[in-house]
C-alpha atoms as a PDB file:
ATOM      1  CA  MET A   1     -28.274 -29.651  21.222  1.00  0.00           C
ATOM      2  CA  LYS A   2     -25.812 -31.865  22.969  1.00  0.00           C
ATOM      3  CA  THR A   3     -24.416 -30.644  26.430  1.00  0.00           C
ATOM      4  CA  ARG A   4     -21.037 -30.614  25.014  1.00  0.00           C
ATOM      5  CA  ASP A   5     -22.185 -28.444  22.161  1.00  0.00           C
ATOM      6  CA  ARG A   6     -24.033 -25.961  24.397  1.00  0.00           C
ATOM      7  CA  ILE A   7     -20.854 -25.540  26.435  1.00  0.00           C
ATOM      8  CA  LEU A   8     -19.078 -24.690  23.243  1.00  0.00           C
ATOM      9  CA  ALA A   9     -21.519 -22.230  22.005  1.00  0.00           C
ATOM     10  CA  ALA A  10     -21.709 -20.660  25.350  1.00  0.00           C
ATOM     11  CA  ALA A  11     -18.057 -20.401  25.497  1.00  0.00           C
ATOM     12  CA  LEU A  12     -17.698 -18.838  22.158  1.00  0.00           C
ATOM     13  CA  GLU A  13     -20.414 -16.243  22.880  1.00  0.00           C
ATOM     14  CA  LEU A  14     -19.005 -15.148  26.136  1.00  0.00           C
ATOM     15  CA  PHE A  15     -15.398 -15.278  24.937  1.00  0.00           C
ATOM     16  CA  ASN A  16     -16.478 -12.958  21.970  1.00  0.00           C
ATOM     17  CA  GLN A  17     -18.392 -10.771  24.001  1.00  0.00           C
ATOM     18  CA  GLN A  18     -16.026 -10.270  27.112  1.00  0.00           C
ATOM     19  CA  GLY A  19     -12.792 -11.628  26.077  1.00  0.00           C
ATOM     20  CA  GLU A  20     -11.340 -14.873  26.882  1.00  0.00           C
ATOM     21  CA  ARG A  21      -9.096 -13.581  29.688  1.00  0.00           C
ATOM     22  CA  ASN A  22     -12.245 -12.343  31.567  1.00  0.00           C
ATOM     23  CA  VAL A  23     -14.396 -15.658  31.360  1.00  0.00           C
ATOM     24  CA  THR A  24     -13.651 -18.655  33.572  1.00  0.00           C
ATOM     25  CA  THR A  25     -15.222 -22.281  33.366  1.00  0.00           C
ATOM     26  CA  ASN A  26     -17.629 -21.063  36.254  1.00  0.00           C
ATOM     27  CA  HIS A  27     -18.825 -18.251  34.275  1.00  0.00           C
ATOM     28  CA  ILE A  28     -19.593 -20.662  31.537  1.00  0.00           C
ATOM     29  CA  ALA A  29     -21.288 -22.940  33.663  1.00  0.00           C
ATOM     30  CA  ALA A  30     -23.492 -20.075  35.361  1.00  0.00           C
ATOM     31  CA  HIS A  31     -24.211 -18.887  31.979  1.00  0.00           C
ATOM     32  CA  LEU A  32     -25.698 -22.479  31.173  1.00  0.00           C
ATOM     33  CA  GLU A  33     -27.318 -22.624  34.481  1.00  0.00           C
ATOM     34  CA  MET A  34     -25.559 -25.933  34.949  1.00  0.00           C
ATOM     35  CA  SER A  35     -23.002 -27.102  37.844  1.00  0.00           C
ATOM     36  CA  PRO A  36     -19.270 -26.714  37.247  1.00  0.00           C
ATOM     37  CA  GLY A  37     -18.914 -30.291  37.880  1.00  0.00           C
ATOM     38  CA  ASN A  38     -21.227 -31.158  34.890  1.00  0.00           C
ATOM     39  CA  LEU A  39     -18.955 -28.682  32.617  1.00  0.00           C
ATOM     40  CA  TYR A  40     -15.835 -30.561  33.753  1.00  0.00           C
ATOM     41  CA  TYR A  41     -17.431 -33.803  32.872  1.00  0.00           C
ATOM     42  CA  HIS A  42     -17.353 -32.737  29.225  1.00  0.00           C
ATOM     43  CA  PHE A  43     -14.210 -30.392  29.472  1.00  0.00           C
ATOM     44  CA  LYS A  44     -11.514 -30.791  32.294  1.00  0.00           C
ATOM     45  CA  ASN A  45     -10.455 -27.067  31.984  1.00  0.00           C
ATOM     46  CA  LYS A  46     -10.985 -23.698  29.911  1.00  0.00           C
ATOM     47  CA  GLN A  47      -7.795 -24.661  27.537  1.00  0.00           C
ATOM     48  CA  GLU A  48      -9.771 -27.739  26.189  1.00  0.00           C
ATOM     49  CA  ILE A  49     -12.606 -25.473  25.343  1.00  0.00           C
ATOM     50  CA  ILE A  50     -10.589 -22.985  23.464  1.00  0.00           C
ATOM     51  CA  PHE A  51      -8.819 -25.774  21.659  1.00  0.00           C
ATOM     52  CA  GLU A  52     -12.174 -27.514  20.570  1.00  0.00           C
ATOM     53  CA  LEU A  53     -13.409 -23.888  19.380  1.00  0.00           C
ATOM     54  CA  PHE A  54     -10.081 -23.262  17.542  1.00  0.00           C
ATOM     55  CA  LEU A  55     -10.615 -26.714  15.566  1.00  0.00           C
ATOM     56  CA  SER A  56     -14.084 -25.388  14.823  1.00  0.00           C
ATOM     57  CA  TYR A  57     -12.662 -22.138  13.462  1.00  0.00           C
ATOM     58  CA  GLU A  58      -9.737 -24.159  11.584  1.00  0.00           C
ATOM     59  CA  ALA A  59     -12.265 -26.380   9.737  1.00  0.00           C
ATOM     60  CA  THR A  60     -14.352 -23.255   8.951  1.00  0.00           C
ATOM     61  CA  VAL A  61     -11.476 -21.484   7.059  1.00  0.00           C
ATOM     62  CA  ASP A  62     -10.127 -24.749   5.568  1.00  0.00           C
ATOM     63  CA  ASN A  63     -13.758 -25.300   3.971  1.00  0.00           C
ATOM     64  CA  ASN A  64     -13.778 -21.538   2.797  1.00  0.00           C
ATOM     65  CA  LEU A  65     -10.504 -21.441   1.104  1.00  0.00           C
ATOM     66  CA  ASN A  66     -10.999 -24.526  -1.152  1.00  0.00           C
ATOM     67  CA  VAL A  67     -10.290 -23.960  -4.879  1.00  0.00           C
ATOM     68  CA  PRO A  68     -12.587 -25.261  -7.551  1.00  0.00           C
ATOM     69  CA  GLU A  69     -11.379 -28.203  -9.542  1.00  0.00           C
ATOM     70  CA  ASP A  70     -13.712 -28.154 -12.524  1.00  0.00           C
ATOM     71  CA  ARG A  71     -13.498 -24.472 -13.631  1.00  0.00           C
ATOM     72  CA  GLN A  72     -11.616 -21.191 -13.511  1.00  0.00           C
ATOM     73  CA  LEU A  73     -11.964 -18.504 -10.811  1.00  0.00           C
ATOM     74  CA  THR A  74     -13.915 -15.546 -11.348  1.00  0.00           C
ATOM     75  CA  ILE A  75     -13.856 -12.138  -9.627  1.00  0.00           C
ATOM     76  CA  GLU A  76     -17.111 -13.113  -7.814  1.00  0.00           C
ATOM     77  CA  ASP A  77     -15.245 -16.042  -6.327  1.00  0.00           C
ATOM     78  CA  LYS A  78     -12.525 -13.613  -5.299  1.00  0.00           C
ATOM     79  CA  LEU A  79     -15.019 -11.127  -3.297  1.00  0.00           C
ATOM     80  CA  ASN A  80     -16.822 -14.578  -1.756  1.00  0.00           C
ATOM     81  CA  TYR A  81     -13.399 -15.711  -0.401  1.00  0.00           C
ATOM     82  CA  LEU A  82     -12.880 -12.400   1.286  1.00  0.00           C
ATOM     83  CA  GLN A  83     -16.309 -12.242   2.741  1.00  0.00           C
ATOM     84  CA  LYS A  84     -16.351 -15.727   4.019  1.00  0.00           C
ATOM     85  CA  VAL A  85     -12.897 -15.234   5.708  1.00  0.00           C
ATOM     86  CA  PHE A  86     -13.883 -12.238   7.302  1.00  0.00           C
ATOM     87  CA  GLN A  87     -17.189 -13.647   8.281  1.00  0.00           C
ATOM     88  CA  GLY A  88     -15.433 -16.340  10.089  1.00  0.00           C
ATOM     89  CA  LEU A  89     -12.966 -14.059  11.775  1.00  0.00           C
ATOM     90  CA  TRP A  90     -16.017 -12.063  13.114  1.00  0.00           C
ATOM     91  CA  GLU A  91     -17.722 -15.373  14.508  1.00  0.00           C
ATOM     92  CA  TYR A  92     -14.584 -16.538  16.189  1.00  0.00           C
ATOM     93  CA  ARG A  93     -13.101 -13.099  16.869  1.00  0.00           C
ATOM     94  CA  PHE A  94     -11.752 -13.759  20.372  1.00  0.00           C
ATOM     95  CA  ILE A  95      -9.139 -15.946  18.671  1.00  0.00           C
ATOM     96  CA  HIS A  96      -7.622 -13.214  16.810  1.00  0.00           C
ATOM     97  CA  ARG A  97      -8.333 -10.605  19.378  1.00  0.00           C
ATOM     98  CA  ASP A  98      -5.962 -11.877  21.866  1.00  0.00           C
ATOM     99  CA  MET A  99      -3.933 -14.364  19.611  1.00  0.00           C
ATOM    100  CA  GLU A 100      -0.392 -14.027  21.148  1.00  0.00           C
ATOM    101  CA  HIS A 101      -1.799 -14.813  24.689  1.00  0.00           C
ATOM    102  CA  LEU A 102      -3.711 -17.825  23.612  1.00  0.00           C
ATOM    103  CA  LEU A 103      -0.740 -19.251  21.756  1.00  0.00           C
ATOM    104  CA  MET A 104       1.925 -18.545  24.283  1.00  0.00           C
ATOM    105  CA  GLY A 105      -0.409 -20.193  27.011  1.00  0.00           C
ATOM    106  CA  GLU A 106      -0.794 -23.619  25.321  1.00  0.00           C
ATOM    107  CA  GLU A 107       1.857 -25.531  23.300  1.00  0.00           C
ATOM    108  CA  ARG A 108      -0.611 -27.865  21.822  1.00  0.00           C
ATOM    109  CA  LEU A 109      -2.742 -24.966  20.320  1.00  0.00           C
ATOM    110  CA  HIS A 110       0.486 -23.118  19.073  1.00  0.00           C
ATOM    111  CA  ALA A 111       1.725 -26.162  17.275  1.00  0.00           C
ATOM    112  CA  ARG A 112      -1.625 -26.675  15.845  1.00  0.00           C
ATOM    113  CA  TYR A 113      -1.812 -22.874  14.806  1.00  0.00           C
ATOM    114  CA  ARG A 114       1.625 -23.297  13.083  1.00  0.00           C
ATOM    115  CA  GLU A 115       0.286 -26.098  10.804  1.00  0.00           C
ATOM    116  CA  PHE A 116      -2.909 -24.301  10.219  1.00  0.00           C
ATOM    117  CA  PHE A 117      -0.969 -21.103   9.139  1.00  0.00           C
ATOM    118  CA  ARG A 118       1.333 -23.273   6.726  1.00  0.00           C
ATOM    119  CA  ARG A 119      -1.930 -24.776   5.265  1.00  0.00           C
ATOM    120  CA  CYS A 120      -3.724 -21.461   4.874  1.00  0.00           C
ATOM    121  CA  GLN A 121      -0.508 -19.867   3.430  1.00  0.00           C
ATOM    122  CA  LYS A 122      -0.520 -22.800   0.691  1.00  0.00           C
ATOM    123  CA  LYS A 123      -4.318 -22.574   0.019  1.00  0.00           C
ATOM    124  CA  THR A 124      -4.110 -18.777  -0.293  1.00  0.00           C
ATOM    125  CA  GLU A 125      -1.290 -19.164  -2.959  1.00  0.00           C
ATOM    126  CA  ALA A 126      -3.429 -21.762  -4.822  1.00  0.00           C
ATOM    127  CA  ILE A 127      -6.190 -18.963  -4.914  1.00  0.00           C
ATOM    128  CA  TYR A 128      -3.737 -16.319  -6.258  1.00  0.00           C
ATOM    129  CA  GLN A 129      -2.453 -18.696  -8.580  1.00  0.00           C
ATOM    130  CA  GLY A 130      -6.130 -19.526  -9.762  1.00  0.00           C
ATOM    131  CA  LEU A 131      -6.537 -15.887 -10.202  1.00  0.00           C
ATOM    132  CA  HIS A 132      -3.595 -15.764 -12.255  1.00  0.00           C
ATOM    133  CA  ASP A 133      -4.594 -18.654 -14.659  1.00  0.00           C
ATOM    134  CA  ALA A 134      -7.748 -17.031 -14.884  1.00  0.00           C
ATOM    135  CA  ASN A 135      -5.887 -13.784 -16.234  1.00  0.00           C
ATOM    136  CA  ILE A 136      -7.514 -11.833 -13.420  1.00  0.00           C
ATOM    137  CA  ILE A 137      -4.089 -11.006 -11.920  1.00  0.00           C
ATOM    138  CA  ASN A 138      -0.690 -11.187 -13.523  1.00  0.00           C
ATOM    139  CA  ILE A 139       1.959 -12.182 -11.114  1.00  0.00           C
ATOM    140  CA  GLU A 140       5.224 -13.929 -10.844  1.00  0.00           C
ATOM    141  CA  GLN A 141       5.663 -16.854  -8.381  1.00  0.00           C
ATOM    142  CA  ARG A 142       7.843 -14.729  -5.922  1.00  0.00           C
ATOM    143  CA  ASP A 143       5.396 -11.938  -5.848  1.00  0.00           C
ATOM    144  CA  LEU A 144       2.686 -14.473  -5.428  1.00  0.00           C
ATOM    145  CA  GLU A 145       3.960 -16.191  -2.319  1.00  0.00           C
ATOM    146  CA  GLY A 146       4.569 -12.403  -0.901  1.00  0.00           C
ATOM    147  CA  LEU A 147       1.105 -11.333  -1.641  1.00  0.00           C
ATOM    148  CA  ALA A 148      -0.521 -14.506  -0.012  1.00  0.00           C
ATOM    149  CA  LEU A 149       1.689 -13.875   3.149  1.00  0.00           C
ATOM    150  CA  ASN A 150       0.795 -10.137   3.044  1.00  0.00           C
ATOM    151  CA  THR A 151      -2.919 -11.036   2.712  1.00  0.00           C
ATOM    152  CA  TRP A 152      -2.586 -13.428   5.821  1.00  0.00           C
ATOM    153  CA  ILE A 153      -0.817 -10.814   7.871  1.00  0.00           C
ATOM    154  CA  VAL A 154      -3.677  -8.350   7.145  1.00  0.00           C
ATOM    155  CA  VAL A 155      -6.291 -10.726   8.085  1.00  0.00           C
ATOM    156  CA  THR A 156      -4.887 -12.201  11.378  1.00  0.00           C
ATOM    157  CA  SER A 157      -3.819  -8.720  12.542  1.00  0.00           C
ATOM    158  CA  TRP A 158      -6.808  -6.564  11.499  1.00  0.00           C
ATOM    159  CA  PHE A 159      -8.292  -6.864  15.188  1.00  0.00           C
ATOM    160  CA  SER A 160      -5.226  -5.559  16.655  1.00  0.00           C
ATOM    161  CA  PHE A 161      -5.083  -2.561  14.241  1.00  0.00           C
ATOM    162  CA  LEU A 162      -8.416  -1.533  15.111  1.00  0.00           C
ATOM    163  CA  GLN A 163      -7.885  -2.009  18.773  1.00  0.00           C
ATOM    164  CA  CYS A 164      -4.765   0.112  18.794  1.00  0.00           C
ATOM    165  CA  ASN A 165      -5.768   2.878  16.344  1.00  0.00           C
ATOM    166  CA  LEU A 166      -9.463   3.357  16.145  1.00  0.00           C
ATOM    167  CA  LEU A 167     -11.021   2.838  19.600  1.00  0.00           C
ATOM    168  CA  SER A 168     -10.511   5.778  21.833  1.00  0.00           C
ATOM    169  CA  ASN A 169     -11.751   4.243  24.916  1.00  0.00           C
ATOM    170  CA  SER A 170     -12.659   0.925  26.729  1.00  0.00           C
ATOM    171  CA  GLU A 171     -16.371   1.425  26.271  1.00  0.00           C
ATOM    172  CA  GLN A 172     -16.261   1.136  22.344  1.00  0.00           C
ATOM    173  CA  SER A 173     -16.195  -2.244  20.533  1.00  0.00           C
ATOM    174  CA  ILE A 174     -15.280  -3.382  17.266  1.00  0.00           C
ATOM    175  CA  THR A 175     -18.205  -3.828  14.867  1.00  0.00           C
ATOM    176  CA  LEU A 176     -18.497  -6.093  11.924  1.00  0.00           C
ATOM    177  CA  ASP A 177     -18.577  -3.124   9.643  1.00  0.00           C
ATOM    178  CA  MET A 178     -15.241  -2.253  10.979  1.00  0.00           C
ATOM    179  CA  LEU A 179     -13.808  -5.634  10.719  1.00  0.00           C
ATOM    180  CA  LYS A 180     -15.106  -5.765   6.993  1.00  0.00           C
ATOM    181  CA  GLY A 181     -12.750  -2.723   6.206  1.00  0.00           C
ATOM    182  CA  GLY A 182     -10.013  -5.322   6.218  1.00  0.00           C
ATOM    183  CA  ILE A 183     -11.462  -6.566   2.872  1.00  0.00           C
ATOM    184  CA  TYR A 184     -11.007  -3.227   1.291  1.00  0.00           C
ATOM    185  CA  GLN A 185      -7.238  -3.381   2.152  1.00  0.00           C
ATOM    186  CA  ILE A 186      -6.547  -6.572   0.718  1.00  0.00           C
ATOM    187  CA  PHE A 187      -8.041  -5.383  -2.432  1.00  0.00           C
ATOM    188  CA  GLN A 188      -5.583  -2.590  -2.150  1.00  0.00           C
ATOM    189  CA  LEU A 189      -2.767  -5.278  -1.878  1.00  0.00           C
ATOM    190  CA  GLU A 190      -4.021  -6.904  -5.191  1.00  0.00           C
ATOM    191  CA  ARG A 191      -4.495  -3.755  -7.311  1.00  0.00           C
ATOM    192  CA  PRO A 192      -0.964  -3.517  -8.703  1.00  0.00           C
ATOM    193  CA  TYR A 193      -1.265  -7.269 -10.064  1.00  0.00           C
ATOM    194  CA  LEU A 194      -4.933  -6.698 -11.851  1.00  0.00           C
ATOM    195  CA  THR A 195      -4.887  -7.227 -15.632  1.00  0.00           C
ATOM    196  CA  ASP A 196      -6.383  -4.557 -17.949  1.00  0.00           C
ATOM    197  CA  GLN A 197      -9.178  -7.055 -18.787  1.00  0.00           C
ATOM    198  CA  TYR A 198     -10.376  -7.127 -15.181  1.00  0.00           C
ATOM    199  CA  ARG A 199      -8.955  -4.019 -13.483  1.00  0.00           C
ATOM    200  CA  GLU A 200     -12.209  -1.771 -13.917  1.00  0.00           C
ATOM    201  CA  LYS A 201     -14.547  -4.641 -12.987  1.00  0.00           C
ATOM    202  CA  VAL A 202     -12.540  -5.492  -9.599  1.00  0.00           C
ATOM    203  CA  GLU A 203     -12.150  -1.939  -8.683  1.00  0.00           C
ATOM    204  CA  ALA A 204     -15.844  -1.283  -9.221  1.00  0.00           C
ATOM    205  CA  MET A 205     -16.598  -4.289  -7.138  1.00  0.00           C
ATOM    206  CA  GLN A 206     -14.259  -2.947  -4.373  1.00  0.00           C
ATOM    207  CA  GLU A 207     -16.108   0.346  -4.164  1.00  0.00           C
ATOM    208  CA  ALA A 208     -19.481  -1.065  -4.642  1.00  0.00           C
ATOM    209  CA  PHE A 209     -19.463  -3.964  -2.130  1.00  0.00           C
ATOM    210  CA  ILE A 210     -16.515  -3.039   0.123  1.00  0.00           C
ATOM    211  CA  PRO A 211     -16.317   0.858   0.011  1.00  0.00           C
ATOM    212  CA  LYS A 212     -13.609   2.531   2.150  1.00  0.00           C
ATOM    213  CA  PRO A 213     -15.046   3.337   5.441  1.00  0.00           C
ATOM    214  CA  ASP A 214     -15.022   7.059   6.565  1.00  0.00           C
ATOM    215  CA  TRP A 215     -13.461   6.119   9.939  1.00  0.00           C
ATOM    216  CA  LEU A 216     -10.278   4.666   8.210  1.00  0.00           C
ATOM    217  CA  SER A 217      -9.276   7.770   7.112  1.00  0.00           C
ATOM    218  CA  SER A 218     -10.618  10.208   9.629  1.00  0.00           C
END
């Protein structure tokens, strides 16, 4: 692995584990057993590292939200989209764990994120349009746009919800199972629009693959 890639991988690991605010470039260099000067040869500051990690996350999400052009969507596609989105959220969890701090501190990143949001919104709308065309959901255009936005809000704010409502002390941490509870909530958003033909299948999928976690209602 190239040194630049090793720095990014180490930074991602440390940011996810400890929080971006608690990790400096010196911490990253020490973790890799390299000199700070060697790290600065590849990245002049921590903001550059964060920006590169965001670009990687952005590419992952873009790839995961593509709609096939040669066939209609299926209910399996629906679940697959959700699982991939939340897996990416987990792998780059430091981004959404402290989103406001990251964006307010770097205008270049903030501008990039706004473009990313608009693109994700359109791609999510395209997914729901595909589900509508496949007769899995029945939804008007105005509601489709609102559902796409609400889905994005749940995805991007789920970490904040968990941190504010489910962690009772600083020693606890969010787990992947907790994070995937957000998938259940997105299924909930979509339920009013399910067609009779697919309602039973989709609701069975919701319960069988992503059951409502006990901690969500306790």
